[in-house]
Amino acid sequence: MTESQAPNPWPRRVGIGLSVLPVLMLLFSASAKLTSNPEAVAGFKAMGYPDGALLKIGIVELIVTILYALPATSVLGAILVTGYLGGAVDVHARMGDTLGNILFPVILGAIAWAGLYLRDPRLRALLPIKR
């Protein structure tokens, strides 16, 4: 690329667009936990979690989502979101949940990483895709 050529803005724009989906999903989920939504409370009881776990998990979910959304901490946030979603996969698998419910956190994590990959040129430089 010569000095007169500007970098292509589309990967970043698409990356931001992809990143919005996991951020909104995780914020919605965290808000349900933090407000003790009756459906969230019932779901956690059905999964065998103690009463105080809902708030603690909601706080963790909110923190990792904010870290992912902020450009300065996005890579750390993506790593932590991956761990959080891995826990969700484990819970759904242990509960004998449907394959769709087990795969949803995996897909959400893949979208989060794809979004980060496209919006962060440092990550693209670190992990180049060969053509």
N, C-alpha and C. Protein backbone atom coordinates (compact mmCIF):
# COMPACT_ATOMS: atom_id res chain seq x y z
N MET A 1 0.86 -1.17 0.00
CA MET A 1 0.00 0.00 0.00
C MET A 1 0.90 1.23 0.00
N THR A 2 0.60 2.16 -0.87
CA THR A 2 1.38 3.39 -0.92
C THR A 2 0.82 4.38 0.08
N GLU A 3 1.58 5.45 0.31
CA GLU A 3 1.14 6.46 1.27
C GLU A 3 -0.15 7.13 0.85
N SER A 4 -0.39 7.22 -0.47
CA SER A 4 -1.59 7.92 -0.94
C SER A 4 -2.85 7.07 -0.81
N GLN A 5 -2.68 5.78 -0.61
CA GLN A 5 -3.85 4.91 -0.48
C GLN A 5 -4.31 4.85 0.97
N ALA A 6 -5.60 5.07 1.15
CA ALA A 6 -6.17 4.95 2.49
C ALA A 6 -6.52 3.49 2.73
N PRO A 7 -6.44 3.04 3.98
CA PRO A 7 -6.83 1.66 4.26
C PRO A 7 -8.32 1.45 3.96
N ASN A 8 -8.65 0.24 3.58
CA ASN A 8 -10.03 -0.11 3.27
C ASN A 8 -10.87 -0.02 4.55
N PRO A 9 -11.91 0.81 4.58
CA PRO A 9 -12.71 0.97 5.81
C PRO A 9 -13.72 -0.16 6.02
N TRP A 10 -13.97 -0.98 5.01
CA TRP A 10 -15.04 -1.97 5.12
C TRP A 10 -14.80 -3.06 6.15
N PRO A 11 -13.61 -3.62 6.26
CA PRO A 11 -13.44 -4.64 7.31
C PRO A 11 -13.79 -4.10 8.70
N ARG A 12 -13.34 -2.88 8.98
CA ARG A 12 -13.63 -2.29 10.29
C ARG A 12 -15.13 -2.07 10.48
N ARG A 13 -15.78 -1.56 9.46
CA ARG A 13 -17.23 -1.32 9.55
C ARG A 13 -18.01 -2.61 9.74
N VAL A 14 -17.66 -3.63 8.97
CA VAL A 14 -18.33 -4.93 9.11
C VAL A 14 -18.03 -5.51 10.49
N GLY A 15 -16.79 -5.36 10.95
CA GLY A 15 -16.41 -5.85 12.27
C GLY A 15 -17.20 -5.19 13.38
N ILE A 16 -17.39 -3.88 13.28
CA ILE A 16 -18.19 -3.18 14.28
C ILE A 16 -19.63 -3.69 14.24
N GLY A 17 -20.15 -3.86 13.03
CA GLY A 17 -21.51 -4.38 12.89
C GLY A 17 -21.67 -5.77 13.50
N LEU A 18 -20.70 -6.64 13.24
CA LEU A 18 -20.75 -7.99 13.82
C LEU A 18 -20.60 -7.94 15.34
N SER A 19 -19.76 -7.05 15.83
CA SER A 19 -19.51 -6.96 17.27
C SER A 19 -20.72 -6.46 18.04
N VAL A 20 -21.58 -5.73 17.39
CA VAL A 20 -22.77 -5.20 18.06
C VAL A 20 -23.68 -6.34 18.53
N LEU A 21 -23.80 -7.39 17.72
CA LEU A 21 -24.71 -8.49 18.07
C LEU A 21 -24.35 -9.15 19.40
N PRO A 22 -23.12 -9.64 19.59
CA PRO A 22 -22.81 -10.24 20.90
C PRO A 22 -22.90 -9.24 22.04
N VAL A 23 -22.53 -7.99 21.80
CA VAL A 23 -22.61 -6.99 22.87
C VAL A 23 -24.06 -6.81 23.30
N LEU A 24 -24.97 -6.66 22.34
CA LEU A 24 -26.38 -6.49 22.69
C LEU A 24 -26.95 -7.73 23.38
N MET A 25 -26.61 -8.90 22.87
CA MET A 25 -27.11 -10.15 23.48
C MET A 25 -26.61 -10.29 24.91
N LEU A 26 -25.33 -10.02 25.12
CA LEU A 26 -24.76 -10.16 26.46
C LEU A 26 -25.28 -9.09 27.41
N LEU A 27 -25.47 -7.87 26.91
CA LEU A 27 -26.05 -6.82 27.76
C LEU A 27 -27.48 -7.14 28.15
N PHE A 28 -28.25 -7.68 27.21
CA PHE A 28 -29.62 -8.08 27.51
C PHE A 28 -29.64 -9.18 28.57
N SER A 29 -28.76 -10.17 28.39
CA SER A 29 -28.68 -11.27 29.34
C SER A 29 -28.23 -10.78 30.72
N ALA A 30 -27.22 -9.91 30.74
CA ALA A 30 -26.73 -9.38 32.02
C ALA A 30 -27.82 -8.57 32.71
N SER A 31 -28.57 -7.78 31.94
CA SER A 31 -29.62 -6.96 32.56
C SER A 31 -30.72 -7.83 33.16
N ALA A 32 -31.02 -8.96 32.52
CA ALA A 32 -32.02 -9.87 33.08
C ALA A 32 -31.53 -10.44 34.42
N LYS A 33 -30.25 -10.73 34.50
CA LYS A 33 -29.69 -11.27 35.74
C LYS A 33 -29.62 -10.18 36.82
N LEU A 34 -29.16 -9.00 36.44
CA LEU A 34 -28.97 -7.92 37.41
C LEU A 34 -30.29 -7.38 37.96
N THR A 35 -31.36 -7.51 37.18
CA THR A 35 -32.67 -7.04 37.64
C THR A 35 -33.50 -8.17 38.24
N SER A 36 -32.91 -9.34 38.38
CA SER A 36 -33.61 -10.53 38.90
C SER A 36 -34.91 -10.79 38.15
N ASN A 37 -34.81 -10.76 36.83
CA ASN A 37 -35.95 -11.08 35.98
C ASN A 37 -36.51 -12.43 36.40
N PRO A 38 -37.84 -12.55 36.58
CA PRO A 38 -38.42 -13.82 37.06
C PRO A 38 -38.05 -15.02 36.19
N GLU A 39 -37.96 -14.83 34.87
CA GLU A 39 -37.58 -15.94 33.99
C GLU A 39 -36.13 -16.34 34.23
N ALA A 40 -35.26 -15.36 34.45
CA ALA A 40 -33.85 -15.66 34.72
C ALA A 40 -33.72 -16.39 36.06
N VAL A 41 -34.46 -15.92 37.06
CA VAL A 41 -34.42 -16.56 38.39
C VAL A 41 -34.89 -18.01 38.28
N ALA A 42 -35.98 -18.23 37.58
CA ALA A 42 -36.51 -19.59 37.42
C ALA A 42 -35.53 -20.47 36.66
N GLY A 43 -34.92 -19.91 35.61
CA GLY A 43 -33.95 -20.67 34.83
C GLY A 43 -32.74 -21.07 35.66
N PHE A 44 -32.26 -20.15 36.49
CA PHE A 44 -31.10 -20.46 37.33
C PHE A 44 -31.46 -21.49 38.40
N LYS A 45 -32.66 -21.42 38.94
CA LYS A 45 -33.08 -22.42 39.92
C LYS A 45 -33.15 -23.80 39.26
N ALA A 46 -33.69 -23.84 38.03
CA ALA A 46 -33.80 -25.11 37.30
C ALA A 46 -32.42 -25.70 37.01
N MET A 47 -31.42 -24.85 36.85
CA MET A 47 -30.07 -25.32 36.58
C MET A 47 -29.32 -25.69 37.86
N GLY A 48 -29.93 -25.45 39.01
CA GLY A 48 -29.32 -25.84 40.27
C GLY A 48 -28.39 -24.81 40.89
N TYR A 49 -28.44 -23.58 40.41
CA TYR A 49 -27.60 -22.53 40.98
C TYR A 49 -28.17 -22.04 42.29
N PRO A 50 -27.31 -21.65 43.25
CA PRO A 50 -27.80 -21.06 44.50
C PRO A 50 -28.36 -19.67 44.24
N ASP A 51 -29.16 -19.17 45.16
CA ASP A 51 -29.85 -17.89 44.99
C ASP A 51 -28.92 -16.71 44.67
N GLY A 52 -27.79 -16.59 45.32
CA GLY A 52 -26.91 -15.45 45.12
C GLY A 52 -26.10 -15.47 43.83
N ALA A 53 -26.14 -16.58 43.11
CA ALA A 53 -25.31 -16.71 41.92
C ALA A 53 -25.77 -15.82 40.78
N LEU A 54 -27.05 -15.56 40.68
CA LEU A 54 -27.60 -14.79 39.57
C LEU A 54 -26.95 -13.40 39.49
N LEU A 55 -26.89 -12.70 40.59
CA LEU A 55 -26.31 -11.37 40.61
C LEU A 55 -24.82 -11.41 40.28
N LYS A 56 -24.09 -12.34 40.89
CA LYS A 56 -22.65 -12.44 40.65
C LYS A 56 -22.34 -12.75 39.19
N ILE A 57 -23.07 -13.66 38.60
CA ILE A 57 -22.85 -14.01 37.20
C ILE A 57 -23.24 -12.85 36.30
N GLY A 58 -24.29 -12.13 36.65
CA GLY A 58 -24.68 -10.95 35.89
C GLY A 58 -23.62 -9.87 35.91
N ILE A 59 -22.97 -9.68 37.05
CA ILE A 59 -21.90 -8.69 37.17
C ILE A 59 -20.71 -9.10 36.30
N VAL A 60 -20.34 -10.37 36.36
CA VAL A 60 -19.23 -10.87 35.54
C VAL A 60 -19.57 -10.69 34.06
N GLU A 61 -20.78 -11.03 33.68
CA GLU A 61 -21.20 -10.91 32.28
C GLU A 61 -21.12 -9.45 31.81
N LEU A 62 -21.57 -8.54 32.65
CA LEU A 62 -21.52 -7.12 32.31
C LEU A 62 -20.07 -6.65 32.16
N ILE A 63 -19.20 -7.04 33.06
CA ILE A 63 -17.80 -6.62 33.01
C ILE A 63 -17.11 -7.13 31.75
N VAL A 64 -17.26 -8.43 31.43
CA VAL A 64 -16.57 -8.97 30.25
C VAL A 64 -17.13 -8.35 28.97
N THR A 65 -18.42 -8.03 28.96
CA THR A 65 -19.02 -7.40 27.79
C THR A 65 -18.46 -5.99 27.59
N ILE A 66 -18.35 -5.24 28.66
CA ILE A 66 -17.79 -3.88 28.56
C ILE A 66 -16.33 -3.95 28.11
N LEU A 67 -15.57 -4.88 28.65
CA LEU A 67 -14.18 -5.03 28.22
C LEU A 67 -14.08 -5.36 26.74
N TYR A 68 -14.98 -6.18 26.25
CA TYR A 68 -15.00 -6.53 24.82
C TYR A 68 -15.38 -5.33 23.96
N ALA A 69 -16.32 -4.54 24.42
CA ALA A 69 -16.83 -3.41 23.63
C ALA A 69 -15.83 -2.26 23.53
N LEU A 70 -14.99 -2.08 24.53
CA LEU A 70 -14.03 -0.98 24.53
C LEU A 70 -12.81 -1.34 23.68
N PRO A 71 -12.46 -0.50 22.71
CA PRO A 71 -11.33 -0.82 21.83
C PRO A 71 -10.02 -1.10 22.58
N ALA A 72 -9.74 -0.37 23.63
CA ALA A 72 -8.48 -0.55 24.35
C ALA A 72 -8.36 -1.91 25.04
N THR A 73 -9.49 -2.52 25.39
CA THR A 73 -9.47 -3.80 26.12
C THR A 73 -10.20 -4.91 25.36
N SER A 74 -10.44 -4.71 24.08
CA SER A 74 -11.28 -5.63 23.32
C SER A 74 -10.72 -7.05 23.23
N VAL A 75 -9.41 -7.18 23.09
CA VAL A 75 -8.83 -8.53 22.99
C VAL A 75 -8.97 -9.26 24.32
N LEU A 76 -8.63 -8.60 25.42
CA LEU A 76 -8.86 -9.20 26.74
C LEU A 76 -10.33 -9.54 26.92
N GLY A 77 -11.20 -8.62 26.54
CA GLY A 77 -12.63 -8.85 26.64
C GLY A 77 -13.08 -10.06 25.83
N ALA A 78 -12.55 -10.21 24.63
CA ALA A 78 -12.92 -11.35 23.78
C ALA A 78 -12.48 -12.67 24.43
N ILE A 79 -11.31 -12.67 25.03
CA ILE A 79 -10.84 -13.88 25.73
C ILE A 79 -11.77 -14.20 26.90
N LEU A 80 -12.13 -13.19 27.67
CA LEU A 80 -13.02 -13.41 28.82
C LEU A 80 -14.43 -13.77 28.39
N VAL A 81 -14.92 -13.16 27.32
CA VAL A 81 -16.25 -13.53 26.78
C VAL A 81 -16.23 -14.99 26.34
N THR A 82 -15.13 -15.42 25.73
CA THR A 82 -15.01 -16.82 25.30
C THR A 82 -15.10 -17.76 26.50
N GLY A 83 -14.42 -17.42 27.58
CA GLY A 83 -14.50 -18.24 28.79
C GLY A 83 -15.91 -18.25 29.36
N TYR A 84 -16.54 -17.08 29.40
CA TYR A 84 -17.90 -16.98 29.91
C TYR A 84 -18.85 -17.85 29.08
N LEU A 85 -18.74 -17.73 27.75
CA LEU A 85 -19.62 -18.51 26.88
C LEU A 85 -19.31 -20.01 26.96
N GLY A 86 -18.05 -20.35 27.21
CA GLY A 86 -17.70 -21.76 27.42
C GLY A 86 -18.42 -22.32 28.63
N GLY A 87 -18.55 -21.51 29.67
CA GLY A 87 -19.31 -21.93 30.85
C GLY A 87 -20.78 -22.15 30.50
N ALA A 88 -21.32 -21.30 29.63
CA ALA A 88 -22.71 -21.47 29.21
C ALA A 88 -22.89 -22.77 28.43
N VAL A 89 -21.92 -23.10 27.58
CA VAL A 89 -21.97 -24.37 26.84
C VAL A 89 -21.98 -25.53 27.82
N ASP A 90 -21.11 -25.47 28.82
CA ASP A 90 -21.03 -26.53 29.82
C ASP A 90 -22.36 -26.72 30.55
N VAL A 91 -22.95 -25.61 30.98
CA VAL A 91 -24.21 -25.69 31.73
C VAL A 91 -25.30 -26.31 30.87
N HIS A 92 -25.42 -25.84 29.63
CA HIS A 92 -26.47 -26.38 28.76
C HIS A 92 -26.23 -27.86 28.44
N ALA A 93 -24.97 -28.24 28.26
CA ALA A 93 -24.67 -29.64 27.99
C ALA A 93 -24.98 -30.52 29.20
N ARG A 94 -24.60 -30.06 30.40
CA ARG A 94 -24.87 -30.83 31.62
C ARG A 94 -26.36 -30.99 31.88
N MET A 95 -27.13 -29.96 31.49
CA MET A 95 -28.58 -30.01 31.70
C MET A 95 -29.28 -30.89 30.67
N GLY A 96 -28.55 -31.37 29.67
CA GLY A 96 -29.16 -32.18 28.63
C GLY A 96 -30.04 -31.33 27.72
N ASP A 97 -29.68 -30.07 27.56
CA ASP A 97 -30.45 -29.13 26.76
C ASP A 97 -30.38 -29.50 25.28
N THR A 98 -31.17 -28.81 24.48
CA THR A 98 -31.18 -29.07 23.04
C THR A 98 -29.86 -28.66 22.41
N LEU A 99 -29.56 -29.23 21.27
CA LEU A 99 -28.33 -28.91 20.56
C LEU A 99 -28.28 -27.43 20.21
N GLY A 100 -29.41 -26.85 19.86
CA GLY A 100 -29.45 -25.43 19.54
C GLY A 100 -29.04 -24.56 20.71
N ASN A 101 -29.50 -24.90 21.91
CA ASN A 101 -29.12 -24.13 23.11
C ASN A 101 -27.66 -24.34 23.48
N ILE A 102 -27.12 -25.51 23.15
CA ILE A 102 -25.71 -25.78 23.41
C ILE A 102 -24.84 -25.02 22.41
N LEU A 103 -25.26 -24.97 21.16
CA LEU A 103 -24.46 -24.32 20.11
C LEU A 103 -24.58 -22.80 20.10
N PHE A 104 -25.65 -22.25 20.65
CA PHE A 104 -25.84 -20.81 20.60
C PHE A 104 -24.67 -20.03 21.18
N PRO A 105 -24.15 -20.39 22.38
CA PRO A 105 -22.99 -19.64 22.89
C PRO A 105 -21.75 -19.81 22.02
N VAL A 106 -21.60 -20.96 21.37
CA VAL A 106 -20.46 -21.18 20.48
C VAL A 106 -20.56 -20.24 19.28
N ILE A 107 -21.74 -20.15 18.70
CA ILE A 107 -21.96 -19.27 17.55
C ILE A 107 -21.76 -17.81 17.96
N LEU A 108 -22.29 -17.44 19.12
CA LEU A 108 -22.14 -16.07 19.60
C LEU A 108 -20.66 -15.73 19.80
N GLY A 109 -19.90 -16.66 20.35
CA GLY A 109 -18.46 -16.45 20.53
C GLY A 109 -17.73 -16.33 19.19
N ALA A 110 -18.11 -17.14 18.22
CA ALA A 110 -17.50 -17.06 16.89
C ALA A 110 -17.79 -15.71 16.24
N ILE A 111 -19.01 -15.22 16.41
CA ILE A 111 -19.37 -13.90 15.87
C ILE A 111 -18.56 -12.81 16.58
N ALA A 112 -18.40 -12.94 17.89
CA ALA A 112 -17.63 -11.95 18.65
C ALA A 112 -16.19 -11.90 18.13
N TRP A 113 -15.57 -13.06 17.93
CA TRP A 113 -14.19 -13.08 17.44
C TRP A 113 -14.09 -12.60 16.00
N ALA A 114 -15.06 -12.96 15.17
CA ALA A 114 -15.05 -12.48 13.78
C ALA A 114 -15.16 -10.97 13.75
N GLY A 115 -16.04 -10.42 14.58
CA GLY A 115 -16.18 -8.97 14.65
C GLY A 115 -14.91 -8.30 15.11
N LEU A 116 -14.28 -8.87 16.13
CA LEU A 116 -13.04 -8.29 16.64
C LEU A 116 -11.93 -8.39 15.59
N TYR A 117 -11.85 -9.52 14.93
CA TYR A 117 -10.83 -9.72 13.90
C TYR A 117 -10.96 -8.66 12.80
N LEU A 118 -12.18 -8.39 12.40
CA LEU A 118 -12.38 -7.43 11.32
C LEU A 118 -12.22 -5.98 11.77
N ARG A 119 -12.54 -5.68 13.03
CA ARG A 119 -12.46 -4.28 13.46
C ARG A 119 -11.09 -3.90 14.02
N ASP A 120 -10.22 -4.85 14.28
CA ASP A 120 -8.93 -4.55 14.88
C ASP A 120 -7.79 -4.95 13.94
N PRO A 121 -7.16 -3.98 13.28
CA PRO A 121 -6.08 -4.31 12.35
C PRO A 121 -4.89 -5.00 13.03
N ARG A 122 -4.69 -4.76 14.33
CA ARG A 122 -3.59 -5.43 15.04
C ARG A 122 -3.82 -6.94 15.08
N LEU A 123 -5.06 -7.35 15.28
CA LEU A 123 -5.39 -8.76 15.32
C LEU A 123 -5.27 -9.38 13.93
N ARG A 124 -5.69 -8.64 12.90
CA ARG A 124 -5.54 -9.14 11.53
C ARG A 124 -4.07 -9.29 11.17
N ALA A 125 -3.22 -8.39 11.66
CA ALA A 125 -1.77 -8.50 11.39
C ALA A 125 -1.17 -9.69 12.15
N LEU A 126 -1.69 -9.95 13.33
CA LEU A 126 -1.18 -11.06 14.14
C LEU A 126 -1.61 -12.41 13.59
N LEU A 127 -2.83 -12.47 13.07
CA LEU A 127 -3.40 -13.72 12.54
C LEU A 127 -3.86 -13.51 11.10
N PRO A 128 -2.91 -13.38 10.17
CA PRO A 128 -3.32 -13.12 8.78
C PRO A 128 -3.97 -14.36 8.17
N ILE A 129 -4.97 -14.11 7.35
CA ILE A 129 -5.62 -15.19 6.60
C ILE A 129 -4.93 -15.25 5.24
N LYS A 130 -4.36 -16.40 4.93
CA LYS A 130 -3.63 -16.58 3.66
C LYS A 130 -4.64 -16.77 2.54
N ARG A 131 -4.33 -16.16 1.42
CA ARG A 131 -5.20 -16.32 0.23
C ARG A 131 -4.65 -17.34 -0.70
